[in-house]
């Protein structure tokens, strides 16, 4: 009896492992290096381009396991554009003194276009035309909201890029 149970469990484990490997995900085998080109910045915030570039580069290197390379030697090239940045949208309010309303929470949003292209054959490995992320913050702490939005952006890029492959 115990032998039959152990055999069944072993068979299920092997089937589970086999299913896990077959379900896919991950990068194409030929993509090991990436060049993240500077993002075009169509917003009025000059520092945003550098910050977006940094988090996108880190996403491809640290979370997707690619090595950074120059454009001419990379297996894939990532290009992008920051198309929108709304840093100050009030989201929560409280009654103040003398009938005034006070903003207690704000939100910012970042929208980008991004694509990853194989240098070998020019195929598009990943593309999003309007990828948006938001981050909320307390008034006067916009940097906190930006950090949250960029974290969401990176997670979304990694998740969507992996699901494309």
C-alpha atoms as a PDB file:
ATOM      1  CA  UNK A   1       0.000   0.000   0.000  1.00  0.00           C
ATOM      2  CA  UNK A   2       2.750   2.437   0.956  1.00  0.00           C
ATOM      3  CA  UNK A   3       4.605   1.508  -2.183  1.00  0.00           C
ATOM      4  CA  UNK A   4       1.599   2.416  -4.341  1.00  0.00           C
ATOM      5  CA  UNK A   5       1.217   5.781  -2.584  1.00  0.00           C
ATOM      6  CA  UNK A   6       4.925   6.563  -2.967  1.00  0.00           C
ATOM      7  CA  UNK A   7       4.805   5.607  -6.638  1.00  0.00           C
ATOM      8  CA  UNK A   8       1.763   7.835  -7.173  1.00  0.00           C
ATOM      9  CA  UNK A   9       3.386  10.786  -5.393  1.00  0.00           C
ATOM     10  CA  UNK A  10       6.593  10.289  -7.368  1.00  0.00           C
ATOM     11  CA  UNK A  11       4.640  10.173 -10.641  1.00  0.00           C
ATOM     12  CA  UNK A  12       2.775  13.346  -9.721  1.00  0.00           C
ATOM     13  CA  UNK A  13       6.007  15.134  -8.822  1.00  0.00           C
ATOM     14  CA  UNK A  14       7.607  14.163 -12.101  1.00  0.00           C
ATOM     15  CA  UNK A  15       4.495  15.174 -14.037  1.00  0.00           C
ATOM     16  CA  UNK A  16       4.435  18.471 -12.140  1.00  0.00           C
ATOM     17  CA  UNK A  17       8.077  19.199 -12.923  1.00  0.00           C
ATOM     18  CA  UNK A  18       7.585  18.261 -16.540  1.00  0.00           C
ATOM     19  CA  UNK A  19       4.536  20.506 -16.770  1.00  0.00           C
ATOM     20  CA  UNK A  20       6.455  23.376 -15.158  1.00  0.00           C
ATOM     21  CA  UNK A  21       9.243  23.217 -17.689  1.00  0.00           C
ATOM     22  CA  UNK A  22       6.887  22.876 -20.630  1.00  0.00           C
ATOM     23  CA  UNK A  23       4.761  25.858 -19.625  1.00  0.00           C
ATOM     24  CA  UNK A  24       7.356  28.235 -21.042  1.00  0.00           C
ATOM     25  CA  UNK A  25       8.379  31.739 -20.118  1.00  0.00           C
ATOM     26  CA  UNK A  26      11.888  33.058 -20.043  1.00  0.00           C
ATOM     27  CA  UNK A  27      14.032  34.568 -22.731  1.00  0.00           C
ATOM     28  CA  UNK A  28      14.832  33.209 -26.169  1.00  0.00           C
ATOM     29  CA  UNK A  29      18.033  31.184 -25.876  1.00  0.00           C
ATOM     30  CA  UNK A  30      19.978  33.511 -28.187  1.00  0.00           C
ATOM     31  CA  UNK A  31      19.318  36.659 -26.113  1.00  0.00           C
ATOM     32  CA  UNK A  32      22.039  37.042 -23.491  1.00  0.00           C
ATOM     33  CA  UNK A  33      23.075  40.705 -23.797  1.00  0.00           C
ATOM     34  CA  UNK A  34      21.071  43.898 -24.083  1.00  0.00           C
ATOM     35  CA  UNK A  35      21.689  47.542 -24.924  1.00  0.00           C
ATOM     36  CA  UNK A  36      19.199  49.929 -23.319  1.00  0.00           C
ATOM     37  CA  UNK A  37      19.320  53.107 -25.379  1.00  0.00           C
ATOM     38  CA  UNK A  38      18.516  56.469 -23.750  1.00  0.00           C
ATOM     39  CA  UNK A  39      14.763  57.012 -23.648  1.00  0.00           C
ATOM     40  CA  UNK A  40      13.439  60.025 -25.507  1.00  0.00           C
ATOM     41  CA  UNK A  41      11.805  62.348 -22.999  1.00  0.00           C
ATOM     42  CA  UNK A  42       8.780  64.262 -24.266  1.00  0.00           C
ATOM     43  CA  UNK A  43       7.987  65.656 -20.807  1.00  0.00           C
ATOM     44  CA  UNK A  44       9.083  68.871 -19.143  1.00  0.00           C
ATOM     45  CA  UNK A  45      10.930  66.991 -16.377  1.00  0.00           C
ATOM     46  CA  UNK A  46      14.568  66.737 -17.433  1.00  0.00           C
ATOM     47  CA  UNK A  47      15.552  64.207 -14.745  1.00  0.00           C
ATOM     48  CA  UNK A  48      12.810  61.717 -15.602  1.00  0.00           C
ATOM     49  CA  UNK A  49      14.601  60.332 -18.669  1.00  0.00           C
ATOM     50  CA  UNK A  50      17.675  59.318 -16.684  1.00  0.00           C
ATOM     51  CA  UNK A  51      15.589  57.728 -13.940  1.00  0.00           C
ATOM     52  CA  UNK A  52      13.461  55.724 -16.376  1.00  0.00           C
ATOM     53  CA  UNK A  53      16.580  54.589 -18.251  1.00  0.00           C
ATOM     54  CA  UNK A  54      18.222  53.436 -15.046  1.00  0.00           C
ATOM     55  CA  UNK A  55      15.249  51.392 -13.796  1.00  0.00           C
ATOM     56  CA  UNK A  56      14.630  49.829 -17.214  1.00  0.00           C
ATOM     57  CA  UNK A  57      18.314  48.856 -17.543  1.00  0.00           C
ATOM     58  CA  UNK A  58      18.251  47.337 -14.055  1.00  0.00           C
ATOM     59  CA  UNK A  59      15.064  45.432 -14.900  1.00  0.00           C
ATOM     60  CA  UNK A  60      16.611  43.789 -17.946  1.00  0.00           C
ATOM     61  CA  UNK A  61      19.902  43.073 -16.198  1.00  0.00           C
ATOM     62  CA  UNK A  62      18.878  42.069 -12.692  1.00  0.00           C
ATOM     63  CA  UNK A  63      15.393  40.687 -13.115  1.00  0.00           C
ATOM     64  CA  UNK A  64      15.715  39.155 -16.584  1.00  0.00           C
ATOM     65  CA  UNK A  65      19.363  38.116 -16.246  1.00  0.00           C
ATOM     66  CA  UNK A  66      20.787  39.875 -19.312  1.00  0.00           C
ATOM     67  CA  UNK A  67      24.247  41.443 -19.450  1.00  0.00           C
ATOM     68  CA  UNK A  68      24.608  45.062 -20.480  1.00  0.00           C
ATOM     69  CA  UNK A  69      26.338  45.675 -23.785  1.00  0.00           C
ATOM     70  CA  UNK A  70      26.887  48.323 -26.402  1.00  0.00           C
ATOM     71  CA  UNK A  71      24.318  48.637 -29.158  1.00  0.00           C
ATOM     72  CA  UNK A  72      26.684  47.188 -31.783  1.00  0.00           C
ATOM     73  CA  UNK A  73      27.459  44.034 -29.772  1.00  0.00           C
ATOM     74  CA  UNK A  74      24.175  43.365 -27.954  1.00  0.00           C
ATOM     75  CA  UNK A  75      21.862  40.486 -28.823  1.00  0.00           C
ATOM     76  CA  UNK A  76      18.876  42.789 -28.278  1.00  0.00           C
ATOM     77  CA  UNK A  77      18.262  46.535 -28.184  1.00  0.00           C
ATOM     78  CA  UNK A  78      15.700  48.287 -25.985  1.00  0.00           C
ATOM     79  CA  UNK A  79      14.338  51.648 -27.146  1.00  0.00           C
ATOM     80  CA  UNK A  80      11.748  53.828 -25.544  1.00  0.00           C
ATOM     81  CA  UNK A  81      10.035  57.145 -25.186  1.00  0.00           C
ATOM     82  CA  UNK A  82       8.477  58.843 -22.170  1.00  0.00           C
ATOM     83  CA  UNK A  83       5.260  60.231 -23.576  1.00  0.00           C
ATOM     84  CA  UNK A  84       3.498  61.552 -20.498  1.00  0.00           C
ATOM     85  CA  UNK A  85       4.211  62.603 -16.918  1.00  0.00           C
ATOM     86  CA  UNK A  86       1.468  63.920 -14.658  1.00  0.00           C
ATOM     87  CA  UNK A  87       3.089  64.642 -11.294  1.00  0.00           C
ATOM     88  CA  UNK A  88       0.316  66.257  -9.302  1.00  0.00           C
ATOM     89  CA  UNK A  89      -3.173  64.741  -9.334  1.00  0.00           C
ATOM     90  CA  UNK A  90      -5.055  65.198  -6.043  1.00  0.00           C
ATOM     91  CA  UNK A  91      -6.700  61.943  -4.910  1.00  0.00           C
ATOM     92  CA  UNK A  92      -7.730  62.425  -1.254  1.00  0.00           C
ATOM     93  CA  UNK A  93      -9.160  65.426   0.527  1.00  0.00           C
ATOM     94  CA  UNK A  94     -10.036  66.474   4.055  1.00  0.00           C
ATOM     95  CA  UNK A  95     -12.030  69.362   5.394  1.00  0.00           C
ATOM     96  CA  UNK A  96      -9.813  72.183   6.573  1.00  0.00           C
ATOM     97  CA  UNK A  97     -10.316  75.320   8.584  1.00  0.00           C
ATOM     98  CA  UNK A  98     -12.677  78.046   7.432  1.00  0.00           C
ATOM     99  CA  UNK A  99     -14.419  75.754   4.966  1.00  0.00           C
ATOM    100  CA  UNK A 100     -11.265  75.072   2.899  1.00  0.00           C
ATOM    101  CA  UNK A 101     -10.543  71.646   1.514  1.00  0.00           C
ATOM    102  CA  UNK A 102      -7.066  70.254   2.055  1.00  0.00           C
ATOM    103  CA  UNK A 103      -5.404  67.735  -0.263  1.00  0.00           C
ATOM    104  CA  UNK A 104      -4.104  64.817   1.821  1.00  0.00           C
ATOM    105  CA  UNK A 105      -2.911  62.493  -0.951  1.00  0.00           C
ATOM    106  CA  UNK A 106      -1.649  63.009  -4.497  1.00  0.00           C
ATOM    107  CA  UNK A 107      -0.776  60.714  -7.365  1.00  0.00           C
ATOM    108  CA  UNK A 108       1.556  60.883 -10.321  1.00  0.00           C
ATOM    109  CA  UNK A 109       1.581  58.854 -13.502  1.00  0.00           C
ATOM    110  CA  UNK A 110       4.238  57.995 -16.064  1.00  0.00           C
ATOM    111  CA  UNK A 111       3.480  56.670 -19.551  1.00  0.00           C
ATOM    112  CA  UNK A 112       6.122  55.204 -21.849  1.00  0.00           C
ATOM    113  CA  UNK A 113       6.513  53.442 -25.174  1.00  0.00           C
ATOM    114  CA  UNK A 114       9.043  50.613 -25.145  1.00  0.00           C
ATOM    115  CA  UNK A 115      10.278  47.934 -27.512  1.00  0.00           C
ATOM    116  CA  UNK A 116      12.938  45.255 -27.447  1.00  0.00           C
ATOM    117  CA  UNK A 117      14.296  44.126 -30.811  1.00  0.00           C
ATOM    118  CA  UNK A 118      16.591  41.233 -31.677  1.00  0.00           C
ATOM    119  CA  UNK A 119      19.673  42.537 -33.497  1.00  0.00           C
ATOM    120  CA  UNK A 120      20.175  39.192 -35.217  1.00  0.00           C
ATOM    121  CA  UNK A 121      16.948  39.126 -37.217  1.00  0.00           C
ATOM    122  CA  UNK A 122      15.129  42.368 -36.374  1.00  0.00           C
ATOM    123  CA  UNK A 123      12.152  40.641 -34.754  1.00  0.00           C
ATOM    124  CA  UNK A 124      10.310  42.526 -32.061  1.00  0.00           C
ATOM    125  CA  UNK A 125      10.640  40.568 -28.823  1.00  0.00           C
ATOM    126  CA  UNK A 126       8.542  42.908 -26.721  1.00  0.00           C
ATOM    127  CA  UNK A 127       6.560  46.050 -27.440  1.00  0.00           C
ATOM    128  CA  UNK A 128       4.164  48.292 -25.521  1.00  0.00           C
ATOM    129  CA  UNK A 129       2.850  51.543 -26.996  1.00  0.00           C
ATOM    130  CA  UNK A 130       1.260  53.066 -23.883  1.00  0.00           C
ATOM    131  CA  UNK A 131       2.562  51.495 -20.698  1.00  0.00           C
ATOM    132  CA  UNK A 132       1.436  53.522 -17.682  1.00  0.00           C
ATOM    133  CA  UNK A 133       2.226  53.323 -13.991  1.00  0.00           C
ATOM    134  CA  UNK A 134       1.092  55.393 -11.036  1.00  0.00           C
ATOM    135  CA  UNK A 135       2.375  56.139  -7.562  1.00  0.00           C
ATOM    136  CA  UNK A 136       0.615  57.909  -4.745  1.00  0.00           C
ATOM    137  CA  UNK A 137       2.289  60.213  -2.228  1.00  0.00           C
ATOM    138  CA  UNK A 138       1.709  62.718   0.519  1.00  0.00           C
ATOM    139  CA  UNK A 139       1.804  66.384  -0.517  1.00  0.00           C
ATOM    140  CA  UNK A 140       5.397  67.589  -0.739  1.00  0.00           C
ATOM    141  CA  UNK A 141       6.794  64.070  -1.253  1.00  0.00           C
ATOM    142  CA  UNK A 142       6.619  63.688  -5.038  1.00  0.00           C
ATOM    143  CA  UNK A 143       9.848  61.652  -5.051  1.00  0.00           C
ATOM    144  CA  UNK A 144       8.036  58.908  -3.095  1.00  0.00           C
ATOM    145  CA  UNK A 145       5.291  58.772  -5.723  1.00  0.00           C
ATOM    146  CA  UNK A 146       7.828  58.670  -8.540  1.00  0.00           C
ATOM    147  CA  UNK A 147       9.710  55.834  -6.884  1.00  0.00           C
ATOM    148  CA  UNK A 148       6.481  53.819  -6.514  1.00  0.00           C
ATOM    149  CA  UNK A 149       5.458  54.482 -10.122  1.00  0.00           C
ATOM    150  CA  UNK A 150       8.871  53.440 -11.458  1.00  0.00           C
ATOM    151  CA  UNK A 151       8.763  50.230  -9.395  1.00  0.00           C
ATOM    152  CA  UNK A 152       5.360  49.399 -10.884  1.00  0.00           C
ATOM    153  CA  UNK A 153       6.678  50.229 -14.354  1.00  0.00           C
ATOM    154  CA  UNK A 154       9.633  47.849 -13.950  1.00  0.00           C
ATOM    155  CA  UNK A 155       7.465  45.014 -12.642  1.00  0.00           C
ATOM    156  CA  UNK A 156       5.032  45.468 -15.514  1.00  0.00           C
ATOM    157  CA  UNK A 157       7.834  45.537 -18.102  1.00  0.00           C
ATOM    158  CA  UNK A 158       9.371  42.327 -16.728  1.00  0.00           C
ATOM    159  CA  UNK A 159       6.005  40.541 -16.518  1.00  0.00           C
ATOM    160  CA  UNK A 160       4.886  41.586 -19.997  1.00  0.00           C
ATOM    161  CA  UNK A 161       8.269  40.909 -21.583  1.00  0.00           C
ATOM    162  CA  UNK A 162       8.383  37.388 -20.154  1.00  0.00           C
ATOM    163  CA  UNK A 163       4.846  36.622 -21.242  1.00  0.00           C
ATOM    164  CA  UNK A 164       5.698  37.653 -24.827  1.00  0.00           C
ATOM    165  CA  UNK A 165       8.477  35.080 -25.060  1.00  0.00           C
END
